[in-house]
Amino acid sequence: MTHTRYAFIKANWHADIVSQALTGFTQIIPAGQVDVFDVPGAFEMPLLARDLAASGAYAAVAAAALVVDGGIYRHDFVAQAVVNGLMQAGMETGVPVLSVSLTPHNYQETEHHNTIFKAHFVQKGREAAEAALAIGRTRARLAQGAAA
């Protein structure tokens, strides 16, 4: 069965920036094919990604967050856990789970940085949508017995 729906998870921390990834994603995949789910922060994304992927309703799941370096250990811990968890969700379910989770070391809440990261998240959202479509095409060819 070919799915035409996609799940998009957004972390609410820095929502004004993170939401731009959804903007980019829906520039490639029509918004009508995307179900959007909000979570409090990045750490909550892998569990929901796994559940959405396991539901059988989605061709792919994308998850977006901005994990900033607050100068403490937690930044690296969260970033590592999120990326590993998203990868594990995809491997467990067989559904592509794509990360649009950025972890800049030099983010500051200034107009200049916000502008840069908003534009970057639009681009990363587009790239996630293109990856979701490309993986789908390749897997469809493999299912038909053709080499990618």
C-alpha atoms as a PDB file:
ATOM      1  CA  MET A   1       0.000   0.000   0.000  1.00  0.00           C
ATOM      2  CA  THR A   2       1.381   3.400  -0.955  1.00  0.00           C
ATOM      3  CA  HIS A   3       0.816   6.106   1.602  1.00  0.00           C
ATOM      4  CA  THR A   4       0.342   9.684   0.542  1.00  0.00           C
ATOM      5  CA  ARG A   5       0.242  11.151   4.052  1.00  0.00           C
ATOM      6  CA  TYR A   6       3.180  12.464   6.003  1.00  0.00           C
ATOM      7  CA  ALA A   7       3.539  13.264   9.702  1.00  0.00           C
ATOM      8  CA  PHE A   8       5.399  16.363  10.815  1.00  0.00           C
ATOM      9  CA  ILE A   9       6.367  16.816  14.475  1.00  0.00           C
ATOM     10  CA  LYS A  10       7.343  20.271  15.771  1.00  0.00           C
ATOM     11  CA  ALA A  11       8.964  21.031  19.109  1.00  0.00           C
ATOM     12  CA  ASN A  12       7.468  24.115  20.758  1.00  0.00           C
ATOM     13  CA  TRP A  13      10.760  25.522  22.055  1.00  0.00           C
ATOM     14  CA  HIS A  14      11.682  28.345  19.654  1.00  0.00           C
ATOM     15  CA  ALA A  15       8.404  27.666  17.804  1.00  0.00           C
ATOM     16  CA  ASP A  16       8.732  30.776  15.620  1.00  0.00           C
ATOM     17  CA  ILE A  17      11.948  29.350  14.159  1.00  0.00           C
ATOM     18  CA  VAL A  18      11.070  25.637  14.191  1.00  0.00           C
ATOM     19  CA  SER A  19       7.734  26.222  12.415  1.00  0.00           C
ATOM     20  CA  GLN A  20       9.668  27.441   9.405  1.00  0.00           C
ATOM     21  CA  ALA A  21      10.705  23.829   8.760  1.00  0.00           C
ATOM     22  CA  LEU A  22       7.040  22.991   8.229  1.00  0.00           C
ATOM     23  CA  THR A  23       6.812  25.900   5.801  1.00  0.00           C
ATOM     24  CA  GLY A  24       9.665  24.424   3.772  1.00  0.00           C
ATOM     25  CA  PHE A  25       8.279  20.894   4.025  1.00  0.00           C
ATOM     26  CA  THR A  26       4.912  21.976   2.625  1.00  0.00           C
ATOM     27  CA  GLN A  27       6.597  23.784  -0.248  1.00  0.00           C
ATOM     28  CA  ILE A  28       7.464  20.294  -1.524  1.00  0.00           C
ATOM     29  CA  ILE A  29       4.693  18.090  -0.113  1.00  0.00           C
ATOM     30  CA  PRO A  30       1.210  19.661  -0.203  1.00  0.00           C
ATOM     31  CA  ALA A  31      -0.055  20.774   3.212  1.00  0.00           C
ATOM     32  CA  GLY A  32      -3.194  18.699   2.696  1.00  0.00           C
ATOM     33  CA  GLN A  33      -1.056  15.557   2.858  1.00  0.00           C
ATOM     34  CA  VAL A  34       0.726  16.557   6.083  1.00  0.00           C
ATOM     35  CA  ASP A  35      -0.565  15.933   9.600  1.00  0.00           C
ATOM     36  CA  VAL A  36       1.129  18.206  12.126  1.00  0.00           C
ATOM     37  CA  PHE A  37       1.843  17.284  15.733  1.00  0.00           C
ATOM     38  CA  ASP A  38       3.274  19.569  18.409  1.00  0.00           C
ATOM     39  CA  VAL A  39       5.402  18.390  21.331  1.00  0.00           C
ATOM     40  CA  PRO A  40       6.838  20.433  24.215  1.00  0.00           C
ATOM     41  CA  GLY A  41      10.484  19.999  23.215  1.00  0.00           C
ATOM     42  CA  ALA A  42      12.934  17.963  21.187  1.00  0.00           C
ATOM     43  CA  PHE A  43      13.270  15.213  23.788  1.00  0.00           C
ATOM     44  CA  GLU A  44       9.616  14.248  23.306  1.00  0.00           C
ATOM     45  CA  MET A  45       9.897  13.769  19.540  1.00  0.00           C
ATOM     46  CA  PRO A  46      11.311  10.214  19.229  1.00  0.00           C
ATOM     47  CA  LEU A  47       8.501   8.487  21.125  1.00  0.00           C
ATOM     48  CA  LEU A  48       5.788  10.241  19.121  1.00  0.00           C
ATOM     49  CA  ALA A  49       7.746   9.631  15.896  1.00  0.00           C
ATOM     50  CA  ARG A  50       7.840   5.922  16.679  1.00  0.00           C
ATOM     51  CA  ASP A  51       4.118   5.826  17.450  1.00  0.00           C
ATOM     52  CA  LEU A  52       3.210   7.719  14.287  1.00  0.00           C
ATOM     53  CA  ALA A  53       5.469   5.543  12.141  1.00  0.00           C
ATOM     54  CA  ALA A  54       4.080   2.374  13.715  1.00  0.00           C
ATOM     55  CA  SER A  55       0.511   3.503  13.016  1.00  0.00           C
ATOM     56  CA  GLY A  56       0.898   2.529   9.361  1.00  0.00           C
ATOM     57  CA  ALA A  57      -0.741   5.778   8.297  1.00  0.00           C
ATOM     58  CA  TYR A  58       2.342   7.641   7.054  1.00  0.00           C
ATOM     59  CA  ALA A  59       4.855   7.311   4.254  1.00  0.00           C
ATOM     60  CA  ALA A  60       7.385   9.153   6.423  1.00  0.00           C
ATOM     61  CA  VAL A  61       7.662  11.125   9.638  1.00  0.00           C
ATOM     62  CA  ALA A  62       9.682  14.337   9.925  1.00  0.00           C
ATOM     63  CA  ALA A  63      10.618  15.889  13.261  1.00  0.00           C
ATOM     64  CA  ALA A  64      11.849  19.458  13.748  1.00  0.00           C
ATOM     65  CA  ALA A  65      13.477  21.104  16.743  1.00  0.00           C
ATOM     66  CA  LEU A  66      16.092  23.679  17.657  1.00  0.00           C
ATOM     67  CA  VAL A  67      18.286  22.437  20.503  1.00  0.00           C
ATOM     68  CA  VAL A  68      20.442  25.355  21.581  1.00  0.00           C
ATOM     69  CA  ASP A  69      23.665  25.291  23.521  1.00  0.00           C
ATOM     70  CA  GLY A  70      22.876  26.895  26.842  1.00  0.00           C
ATOM     71  CA  GLY A  71      26.427  26.351  28.014  1.00  0.00           C
ATOM     72  CA  ILE A  72      25.629  23.221  29.986  1.00  0.00           C
ATOM     73  CA  TYR A  73      25.917  19.489  29.342  1.00  0.00           C
ATOM     74  CA  ARG A  74      22.195  19.093  28.661  1.00  0.00           C
ATOM     75  CA  HIS A  75      22.498  20.485  25.108  1.00  0.00           C
ATOM     76  CA  ASP A  76      24.747  17.675  23.902  1.00  0.00           C
ATOM     77  CA  PHE A  77      22.814  15.042  25.834  1.00  0.00           C
ATOM     78  CA  VAL A  78      19.477  16.112  24.368  1.00  0.00           C
ATOM     79  CA  ALA A  79      20.809  16.455  20.817  1.00  0.00           C
ATOM     80  CA  GLN A  80      22.390  12.983  20.894  1.00  0.00           C
ATOM     81  CA  ALA A  81      19.324  11.363  22.468  1.00  0.00           C
ATOM     82  CA  VAL A  82      16.952  12.956  19.965  1.00  0.00           C
ATOM     83  CA  VAL A  83      18.898  11.970  16.864  1.00  0.00           C
ATOM     84  CA  ASN A  84      19.468   8.430  18.156  1.00  0.00           C
ATOM     85  CA  GLY A  85      15.813   8.106  19.136  1.00  0.00           C
ATOM     86  CA  LEU A  86      14.561   9.276  15.761  1.00  0.00           C
ATOM     87  CA  MET A  87      16.869   6.863  13.968  1.00  0.00           C
ATOM     88  CA  GLN A  88      15.745   4.024  16.238  1.00  0.00           C
ATOM     89  CA  ALA A  89      12.080   4.854  15.542  1.00  0.00           C
ATOM     90  CA  GLY A  90      12.676   4.489  11.824  1.00  0.00           C
ATOM     91  CA  MET A  91      14.660   1.299  12.189  1.00  0.00           C
ATOM     92  CA  GLU A  92      12.048  -0.298  14.483  1.00  0.00           C
ATOM     93  CA  THR A  93       9.097   0.542  12.271  1.00  0.00           C
ATOM     94  CA  GLY A  94      10.576   0.448   8.773  1.00  0.00           C
ATOM     95  CA  VAL A  95       9.106   3.902   8.117  1.00  0.00           C
ATOM     96  CA  PRO A  96      11.506   6.746   7.276  1.00  0.00           C
ATOM     97  CA  VAL A  97      11.896   9.121  10.211  1.00  0.00           C
ATOM     98  CA  LEU A  98      13.675  12.285   9.176  1.00  0.00           C
ATOM     99  CA  SER A  99      15.380  14.739  11.502  1.00  0.00           C
ATOM    100  CA  VAL A 100      15.180  18.484  11.015  1.00  0.00           C
ATOM    101  CA  SER A 101      16.685  18.901  14.464  1.00  0.00           C
ATOM    102  CA  LEU A 102      19.414  21.493  14.476  1.00  0.00           C
ATOM    103  CA  THR A 103      21.867  21.958  17.324  1.00  0.00           C
ATOM    104  CA  PRO A 104      23.841  25.148  16.779  1.00  0.00           C
ATOM    105  CA  HIS A 105      26.620  25.933  19.231  1.00  0.00           C
ATOM    106  CA  ASN A 106      26.511  29.683  18.709  1.00  0.00           C
ATOM    107  CA  TYR A 107      22.817  30.575  18.676  1.00  0.00           C
ATOM    108  CA  GLN A 108      21.850  33.819  20.399  1.00  0.00           C
ATOM    109  CA  GLU A 109      18.330  35.206  20.578  1.00  0.00           C
ATOM    110  CA  THR A 110      19.040  38.197  18.385  1.00  0.00           C
ATOM    111  CA  GLU A 111      17.168  39.412  15.343  1.00  0.00           C
ATOM    112  CA  HIS A 112      20.177  38.536  13.187  1.00  0.00           C
ATOM    113  CA  HIS A 113      20.390  34.912  14.383  1.00  0.00           C
ATOM    114  CA  ASN A 114      16.617  34.453  14.311  1.00  0.00           C
ATOM    115  CA  THR A 115      16.526  35.594  10.682  1.00  0.00           C
ATOM    116  CA  ILE A 116      19.365  33.238   9.733  1.00  0.00           C
ATOM    117  CA  PHE A 117      17.860  30.239  11.496  1.00  0.00           C
ATOM    118  CA  LYS A 118      14.347  30.847  10.174  1.00  0.00           C
ATOM    119  CA  ALA A 119      15.690  30.755   6.614  1.00  0.00           C
ATOM    120  CA  HIS A 120      17.826  27.718   7.416  1.00  0.00           C
ATOM    121  CA  PHE A 121      14.821  25.832   8.823  1.00  0.00           C
ATOM    122  CA  VAL A 122      12.803  26.542   5.657  1.00  0.00           C
ATOM    123  CA  GLN A 123      15.619  25.012   3.619  1.00  0.00           C
ATOM    124  CA  LYS A 124      15.989  22.039   5.963  1.00  0.00           C
ATOM    125  CA  GLY A 125      12.228  21.444   5.814  1.00  0.00           C
ATOM    126  CA  ARG A 126      12.410  21.348   2.013  1.00  0.00           C
ATOM    127  CA  GLU A 127      15.321  18.913   2.198  1.00  0.00           C
ATOM    128  CA  ALA A 128      13.398  16.629   4.573  1.00  0.00           C
ATOM    129  CA  ALA A 129      10.409  16.568   2.210  1.00  0.00           C
ATOM    130  CA  GLU A 130      12.644  15.832  -0.772  1.00  0.00           C
ATOM    131  CA  ALA A 131      14.315  13.030   1.199  1.00  0.00           C
ATOM    132  CA  ALA A 132      10.933  11.562   2.187  1.00  0.00           C
ATOM    133  CA  LEU A 133       9.841  11.488  -1.448  1.00  0.00           C
ATOM    134  CA  ALA A 134      13.175  10.079  -2.668  1.00  0.00           C
ATOM    135  CA  ILE A 135      13.175   7.295  -0.080  1.00  0.00           C
ATOM    136  CA  GLY A 136       9.596   6.456  -1.032  1.00  0.00           C
ATOM    137  CA  ARG A 137      10.482   6.212  -4.715  1.00  0.00           C
ATOM    138  CA  THR A 138      13.508   4.032  -4.043  1.00  0.00           C
ATOM    139  CA  ARG A 139      11.619   1.699  -1.720  1.00  0.00           C
ATOM    140  CA  ALA A 140       8.789   1.399  -4.278  1.00  0.00           C
ATOM    141  CA  ARG A 141      11.321   0.347  -6.934  1.00  0.00           C
ATOM    142  CA  LEU A 142      12.870  -2.164  -4.534  1.00  0.00           C
ATOM    143  CA  ALA A 143       9.435  -3.598  -3.765  1.00  0.00           C
ATOM    144  CA  GLN A 144       8.908  -4.119  -7.502  1.00  0.00           C
ATOM    145  CA  GLY A 145      12.192  -6.015  -7.697  1.00  0.00           C
ATOM    146  CA  ALA A 146      14.140  -3.314  -9.511  1.00  0.00           C
ATOM    147  CA  ALA A 147      17.514  -2.083  -8.293  1.00  0.00           C
ATOM    148  CA  ALA A 148      17.578   1.488  -7.031  1.00  0.00           C
END
